[in-house]
Amino acid sequence: MDETGCTKNFRSSELLRFFGIPQGSIIGPLLFIIYVNDIDGVIPWEILIGFVDDFTLITSNRDSNQLEIDTFIKINSLIQYFKDINLIVNSKKTNYLNIQTRQKKNSKFYRPLVVCLDDEELEEADVVDYLGVRVDGTLSWELQVDKVASKMSSGLFVLRSVARLSQINVLKAVYHSLIECHISYSIILWGGVAKSHISRIFGIQKKAIRCMANVPPMSHWIELFKKFNVLTVPCIYIYECILYYNRHCTVCEPVHGYNTRSRLVNTSAPHSLSLFESMPSYMGAKMFHALPMDIKKAAAKISFKKVLKDYLVEKCFYDFGDIFL
């Protein structure tokens, strides 16, 4: 619209380009993925996580000196690959996260790693946002739970605003789109680390369910979850862990009938940290084998998700440990 208030249409002239595309184009992400599709020839996908133009390199070693050497070699291999295809890595937007136990992080012997990119030393980050998940250096997931609780509280505000004006089907749609989606996203990572995380999120969820039912704040909640066919937070964690185990791990039978820690093949791997037991593969195996036999037999069927959800809605667990009782 010009100064006289008239609207004029303009069309950009055509421009022949030999490489590169306009920023913000719809086809850009797809073309970029195709362009770097052979990157696994430099770094295998097992240690390189890529999402469009965001790459995360994973290295591990108990010896910090060797870890620095391995990281230097792999980073420079990536830098050379990108230079060969006329791409530049922005060092100002690149950092590293050193994941250690809290005891080692607080130890007087702890020192930051020396990680360089094009002769520039990268800064160590205390927490990294990756695809909407906040990962901290000790895997405590406290900041991620803070983020989830904040988003749920915003959704609860919207739910309360429309509760008196909307029907129950609309309220359920608001709940699933603004509250439950934030609970289920990445819960298999933080759900088993500390029960206090589950309790905090569960408290907000119960407020939302009571709001949907238009009942007093201290009303009993079990029948409300069953009425709305909604999973509790512990049940969502159980549901996601079992589905992860069913998709990515080999479903096995118990080694023997005695109730020992090494009873299951998939959970008998030796480990020295309790953090290992919060892994989705470990918890998924334990929870899967705690299911009734008729539910486990449905694991290979298309209807397994529905069967599992119906079972968990009926049980309405208050704590994810209740599945082992």
Protein backbone atom coordinates (compact mmCIF):
# COMPACT_ATOMS: atom_id res chain seq x y z
CA MET A 1 0.00 0.00 0.00
CA ASP A 2 1.47 3.34 -1.06
CA GLU A 3 1.03 6.85 0.39
CA THR A 4 -2.26 7.40 -1.48
CA GLY A 5 -3.82 4.30 0.09
CA CYS A 6 -3.80 2.28 -3.12
CA THR A 7 -2.65 -1.32 -3.12
CA LYS A 8 -0.12 -2.40 -5.74
CA ASN A 9 1.11 -5.88 -6.54
CA PHE A 10 4.77 -6.55 -7.22
CA ARG A 11 6.47 -9.64 -8.50
CA SER A 12 10.15 -10.31 -8.05
CA SER A 13 12.19 -10.87 -11.15
CA GLU A 14 13.59 -14.32 -11.85
CA LEU A 15 17.17 -14.98 -10.82
CA LEU A 16 19.28 -17.92 -11.92
CA ARG A 17 21.19 -19.50 -9.00
CA PHE A 18 23.69 -22.34 -9.17
CA PHE A 19 23.42 -23.21 -5.48
CA GLY A 20 21.44 -22.02 -2.45
CA ILE A 21 17.77 -21.14 -2.10
CA PRO A 22 15.85 -18.18 -0.63
CA GLN A 23 15.63 -18.24 3.15
CA GLY A 24 12.23 -19.20 4.50
CA SER A 25 11.12 -21.23 1.50
CA ILE A 26 8.88 -24.24 2.08
CA ILE A 27 11.04 -26.65 0.11
CA GLY A 28 14.26 -25.43 1.78
CA PRO A 29 14.39 -27.92 4.69
CA LEU A 30 13.75 -30.89 2.38
CA LEU A 31 16.43 -29.80 -0.10
CA PHE A 32 18.91 -29.27 2.74
CA ILE A 33 18.29 -32.79 4.10
CA ILE A 34 18.90 -34.21 0.63
CA TYR A 35 22.01 -32.05 0.27
CA VAL A 36 23.66 -33.41 3.45
CA ASN A 37 22.23 -36.91 3.19
CA ASP A 38 25.70 -38.46 2.75
CA ILE A 39 27.05 -37.04 6.01
CA ASP A 40 26.94 -40.51 7.56
CA GLY A 41 29.97 -41.31 5.41
CA VAL A 42 31.93 -38.96 7.70
CA ILE A 43 30.20 -39.46 11.06
CA PRO A 44 27.87 -42.45 11.64
CA TRP A 45 24.29 -41.66 12.61
CA GLU A 46 24.76 -43.56 15.89
CA ILE A 47 26.72 -40.61 17.30
CA LEU A 48 25.26 -37.80 15.17
CA ILE A 49 21.71 -36.56 15.69
CA GLY A 50 20.40 -34.38 12.90
CA PHE A 51 17.17 -32.42 12.55
CA VAL A 52 17.17 -30.33 9.35
CA ASP A 53 20.11 -27.91 9.89
CA ASP A 54 20.62 -28.70 13.61
CA PHE A 55 23.28 -31.34 14.29
CA THR A 56 24.33 -32.75 17.64
CA LEU A 57 27.49 -34.80 17.98
CA ILE A 58 27.69 -37.33 20.82
CA THR A 59 31.03 -38.58 22.15
CA SER A 60 31.89 -40.38 25.37
CA ASN A 61 35.02 -41.46 27.19
CA ARG A 62 35.94 -41.90 30.84
CA ASP A 63 39.30 -40.20 30.24
CA SER A 64 38.75 -36.44 29.79
CA ASN A 65 41.98 -36.03 27.82
CA GLN A 66 41.03 -38.75 25.36
CA LEU A 67 37.52 -37.29 25.18
CA GLU A 68 38.96 -33.95 24.07
CA ILE A 69 41.05 -35.68 21.39
CA ASP A 70 38.09 -37.72 20.09
CA THR A 71 35.87 -34.64 20.03
CA PHE A 72 38.50 -32.60 18.20
CA ILE A 73 38.89 -35.26 15.50
CA LYS A 74 35.15 -35.68 14.95
CA ILE A 75 34.37 -31.97 14.94
CA ASN A 76 37.09 -31.25 12.41
CA SER A 77 35.86 -34.10 10.22
CA LEU A 78 32.44 -32.43 10.20
CA ILE A 79 33.94 -28.99 9.54
CA GLN A 80 35.87 -30.32 6.56
CA TYR A 81 32.76 -32.04 5.22
CA PHE A 82 30.73 -28.84 5.41
CA LYS A 83 33.51 -26.83 3.76
CA ASP A 84 33.62 -29.32 0.89
CA ILE A 85 29.93 -28.67 0.18
CA ASN A 86 30.20 -24.87 0.63
CA LEU A 87 28.58 -24.68 4.07
CA ILE A 88 29.88 -22.79 7.09
CA VAL A 89 29.37 -23.77 10.73
CA ASN A 90 28.51 -20.83 12.97
CA SER A 91 30.82 -21.13 15.99
CA LYS A 92 28.83 -18.48 17.90
CA LYS A 93 25.77 -20.70 17.82
CA THR A 94 27.69 -23.83 18.74
CA ASN A 95 28.45 -25.01 22.28
CA TYR A 96 28.94 -28.24 24.15
CA LEU A 97 27.34 -29.95 27.12
CA ASN A 98 29.49 -32.09 29.40
CA ILE A 99 27.22 -34.66 31.04
CA GLN A 100 28.53 -35.89 34.39
CA THR A 101 27.09 -37.04 37.69
CA ARG A 102 26.28 -34.27 40.14
CA GLN A 103 29.06 -35.46 42.45
CA LYS A 104 31.68 -35.12 39.71
CA LYS A 105 30.32 -31.74 38.60
CA ASN A 106 30.65 -30.37 42.14
CA SER A 107 34.05 -31.95 42.72
CA LYS A 108 37.08 -29.67 43.10
CA PHE A 109 38.83 -31.79 40.48
CA TYR A 110 36.25 -31.01 37.79
CA ARG A 111 37.49 -28.90 34.88
CA PRO A 112 35.74 -27.79 31.70
CA LEU A 113 36.77 -29.52 28.52
CA VAL A 114 38.75 -27.71 25.85
CA VAL A 115 36.65 -28.01 22.69
CA CYS A 116 37.63 -25.93 19.66
CA LEU A 117 35.91 -25.15 16.38
CA ASP A 118 38.01 -23.39 13.74
CA ASP A 119 40.55 -22.25 16.35
CA GLU A 120 37.77 -20.84 18.53
CA GLU A 121 37.20 -22.41 21.93
CA LEU A 122 33.56 -23.34 22.47
CA GLU A 123 31.71 -22.37 25.63
CA GLU A 124 30.38 -25.05 27.95
CA ALA A 125 26.61 -24.79 28.41
CA ASP A 126 24.85 -25.59 31.68
CA VAL A 127 21.65 -26.49 29.85
CA VAL A 128 20.78 -27.01 26.21
CA ASP A 129 17.39 -26.70 24.51
CA TYR A 130 17.15 -29.41 21.89
CA LEU A 131 13.90 -29.93 19.99
CA GLY A 132 11.89 -28.50 22.87
CA VAL A 133 13.64 -30.52 25.58
CA ARG A 134 15.90 -28.88 28.16
CA VAL A 135 18.88 -31.12 28.87
CA ASP A 136 21.18 -30.17 31.75
CA GLY A 137 24.68 -31.39 32.53
CA THR A 138 23.61 -33.77 35.31
CA LEU A 139 20.41 -35.09 33.69
CA SER A 140 18.34 -33.96 36.66
CA TRP A 141 15.61 -32.69 34.27
CA GLU A 142 14.54 -30.04 36.78
CA LEU A 143 14.52 -27.26 34.18
CA GLN A 144 12.56 -29.43 31.75
CA VAL A 145 9.93 -30.10 34.42
CA ASP A 146 9.78 -26.36 35.13
CA LYS A 147 9.12 -25.79 31.44
CA VAL A 148 6.41 -28.47 31.29
CA ALA A 149 4.73 -27.13 34.43
CA SER A 150 4.74 -23.59 33.02
CA LYS A 151 3.14 -24.67 29.75
CA MET A 152 0.56 -26.77 31.61
CA SER A 153 -0.33 -23.82 33.84
CA SER A 154 -0.91 -21.68 30.74
CA GLY A 155 -3.14 -24.40 29.31
CA LEU A 156 -5.00 -24.66 32.63
CA PHE A 157 -5.71 -20.92 32.48
CA VAL A 158 -7.25 -21.33 29.02
CA LEU A 159 -9.23 -24.34 30.20
CA ARG A 160 -10.67 -22.41 33.13
CA SER A 161 -11.53 -19.49 30.86
CA VAL A 162 -13.68 -21.60 28.55
CA ALA A 163 -14.97 -24.14 31.10
CA ARG A 164 -18.30 -22.41 31.76
CA LEU A 165 -19.00 -21.66 28.12
CA SER A 166 -18.04 -24.90 26.37
CA GLN A 167 -19.27 -28.46 26.17
CA ILE A 168 -17.24 -31.37 27.46
CA ASN A 169 -15.97 -32.40 24.01
CA VAL A 170 -14.50 -28.91 23.53
CA LEU A 171 -12.91 -29.01 26.99
CA LYS A 172 -11.33 -32.39 26.23
CA ALA A 173 -9.92 -31.00 22.99
CA VAL A 174 -8.42 -28.05 24.91
CA TYR A 175 -6.99 -30.41 27.52
CA HIS A 176 -5.34 -32.72 24.98
CA SER A 177 -3.96 -29.88 22.83
CA LEU A 178 -2.72 -27.55 25.58
CA ILE A 179 -1.99 -29.78 28.58
CA GLU A 180 -1.56 -33.49 27.92
CA CYS A 181 0.64 -33.00 24.84
CA HIS A 182 3.25 -31.27 27.03
CA ILE A 183 3.11 -34.11 29.57
CA SER A 184 3.62 -36.94 27.10
CA TYR A 185 6.38 -35.21 25.11
CA SER A 186 9.72 -36.57 26.41
CA ILE A 187 8.19 -37.92 29.65
CA ILE A 188 10.14 -41.16 29.15
CA LEU A 189 13.30 -39.11 29.81
CA TRP A 190 12.37 -37.23 32.98
CA GLY A 191 9.48 -39.29 34.32
CA GLY A 192 11.58 -41.95 36.02
CA VAL A 193 14.37 -39.78 37.42
CA ALA A 194 12.57 -38.37 40.47
CA LYS A 195 9.09 -39.01 41.78
CA SER A 196 8.85 -35.37 42.81
CA HIS A 197 8.78 -34.47 39.10
CA ILE A 198 5.79 -36.76 38.53
CA SER A 199 3.98 -35.46 41.64
CA ARG A 200 4.34 -31.83 40.61
CA ILE A 201 3.02 -32.40 37.09
CA PHE A 202 0.31 -34.75 38.40
CA GLY A 203 -0.97 -32.01 40.71
CA ILE A 204 -1.55 -29.61 37.80
CA GLN A 205 -3.19 -32.38 35.78
CA LYS A 206 -5.69 -33.13 38.57
CA LYS A 207 -6.62 -29.44 38.69
CA ALA A 208 -7.36 -29.58 34.96
CA ILE A 209 -9.54 -32.70 35.29
CA ARG A 210 -11.52 -31.18 38.16
CA CYS A 211 -11.96 -28.01 36.12
CA MET A 212 -13.37 -30.04 33.22
CA ALA A 213 -15.79 -31.82 35.58
CA ASN A 214 -16.71 -28.54 37.36
CA VAL A 215 -16.22 -30.05 40.83
CA PRO A 216 -14.65 -28.60 44.01
CA PRO A 217 -10.83 -28.52 44.25
CA MET A 218 -10.58 -31.36 46.80
CA SER A 219 -12.95 -33.76 45.00
CA HIS A 220 -11.76 -37.32 44.47
CA TRP A 221 -10.17 -37.68 41.05
CA ILE A 222 -10.06 -41.40 40.16
CA GLU A 223 -13.58 -41.65 38.75
CA LEU A 224 -13.09 -38.39 36.85
CA PHE A 225 -10.09 -39.78 34.95
CA LYS A 226 -12.08 -42.89 34.07
CA LYS A 227 -15.09 -40.81 33.03
CA PHE A 228 -13.06 -38.70 30.60
CA ASN A 229 -10.93 -41.68 29.46
CA VAL A 230 -7.76 -39.81 30.40
CA LEU A 231 -4.48 -41.32 31.62
CA THR A 232 -2.91 -40.07 34.83
CA VAL A 233 0.66 -38.74 34.61
CA PRO A 234 2.14 -42.00 36.03
CA CYS A 235 0.06 -43.97 33.52
CA ILE A 236 1.28 -41.75 30.67
CA TYR A 237 4.85 -42.54 31.73
CA ILE A 238 4.08 -46.27 31.86
CA TYR A 239 2.30 -46.10 28.50
CA GLU A 240 5.17 -44.31 26.73
CA CYS A 241 7.88 -46.56 28.24
CA ILE A 242 6.07 -49.76 27.25
CA LEU A 243 5.45 -48.51 23.71
CA TYR A 244 9.12 -47.52 23.42
CA TYR A 245 10.19 -50.96 24.60
CA ASN A 246 7.73 -52.66 22.27
CA ARG A 247 8.96 -50.65 19.25
CA HIS A 248 12.71 -50.56 19.81
CA CYS A 249 13.63 -53.51 22.01
CA THR A 250 13.35 -57.26 21.71
CA VAL A 251 10.39 -58.51 23.71
CA CYS A 252 11.75 -61.37 25.76
CA GLU A 253 10.47 -63.87 28.27
CA PRO A 254 11.74 -63.98 31.87
CA VAL A 255 14.90 -65.99 32.35
CA HIS A 256 13.41 -67.74 35.37
CA GLY A 257 10.39 -67.49 37.63
CA TYR A 258 12.11 -66.05 40.68
CA ASN A 259 11.67 -62.37 41.49
CA THR A 260 15.29 -61.25 41.09
CA ARG A 261 16.89 -58.22 39.46
CA SER A 262 18.34 -60.34 36.63
CA ARG A 263 15.04 -62.05 35.91
CA LEU A 264 14.63 -60.21 32.61
CA VAL A 265 17.23 -60.45 29.87
CA ASN A 266 16.83 -56.81 28.83
CA THR A 267 17.29 -55.45 32.36
CA SER A 268 20.16 -57.65 33.47
CA ALA A 269 22.92 -55.50 31.98
CA PRO A 270 25.48 -54.63 34.69
CA HIS A 271 25.33 -51.02 35.83
CA SER A 272 26.72 -48.95 38.68
CA LEU A 273 24.43 -45.90 38.57
CA SER A 274 20.78 -45.74 39.57
CA LEU A 275 20.30 -43.34 36.64
CA PHE A 276 20.61 -46.38 34.35
CA GLU A 277 17.38 -47.74 35.80
CA SER A 278 15.45 -44.70 34.58
CA MET A 279 16.29 -45.46 30.95
CA PRO A 280 13.18 -46.09 28.80
CA SER A 281 14.53 -49.48 27.67
CA TYR A 282 15.12 -50.61 31.26
CA MET A 283 11.85 -49.29 32.70
CA GLY A 284 9.91 -50.36 29.61
CA ALA A 285 11.12 -53.95 29.99
CA LYS A 286 10.20 -54.08 33.69
CA MET A 287 6.78 -52.53 33.10
CA PHE A 288 6.01 -54.71 30.09
CA HIS A 289 6.66 -57.89 32.04
CA ALA A 290 4.52 -56.58 34.90
CA LEU A 291 1.48 -56.46 32.60
CA PRO A 292 -1.18 -59.20 32.71
CA MET A 293 -0.57 -62.03 30.27
CA ASP A 294 -3.52 -61.15 28.03
CA ILE A 295 -2.15 -57.62 27.56
CA LYS A 296 1.35 -58.91 26.73
CA LYS A 297 -0.07 -61.31 24.14
CA ALA A 298 -1.50 -58.31 22.28
CA ALA A 299 1.97 -56.72 21.90
CA ALA A 300 2.32 -57.86 18.29
CA LYS A 301 -1.15 -56.67 17.27
CA ILE A 302 -2.16 -53.34 15.78
CA SER A 303 -4.66 -52.84 18.63
CA PHE A 304 -1.94 -53.01 21.32
CA LYS A 305 -2.01 -49.25 21.95
CA LYS A 306 -5.76 -49.26 22.57
CA VAL A 307 -5.63 -52.38 24.72
CA LEU A 308 -2.81 -50.93 26.80
CA LYS A 309 -4.49 -47.55 27.21
CA ASP A 310 -7.82 -49.11 28.25
CA TYR A 311 -5.97 -51.18 30.86
CA LEU A 312 -4.15 -48.14 32.27
CA VAL A 313 -7.29 -45.98 32.29
CA GLU A 314 -9.05 -48.66 34.31
CA LYS A 315 -6.14 -49.04 36.75
CA CYS A 316 -5.63 -45.26 37.10
CA PHE A 317 -2.28 -45.61 38.88
CA TYR A 318 -1.29 -42.92 41.40
CA ASP A 319 2.40 -43.83 41.13
CA PHE A 320 4.21 -45.63 38.29
CA GLY A 321 5.60 -48.09 40.85
CA ASP A 322 2.06 -49.36 41.45
CA ILE A 323 2.28 -51.43 38.27
CA PHE A 324 4.77 -53.74 40.00
CA LEU A 325 2.46 -54.44 42.96
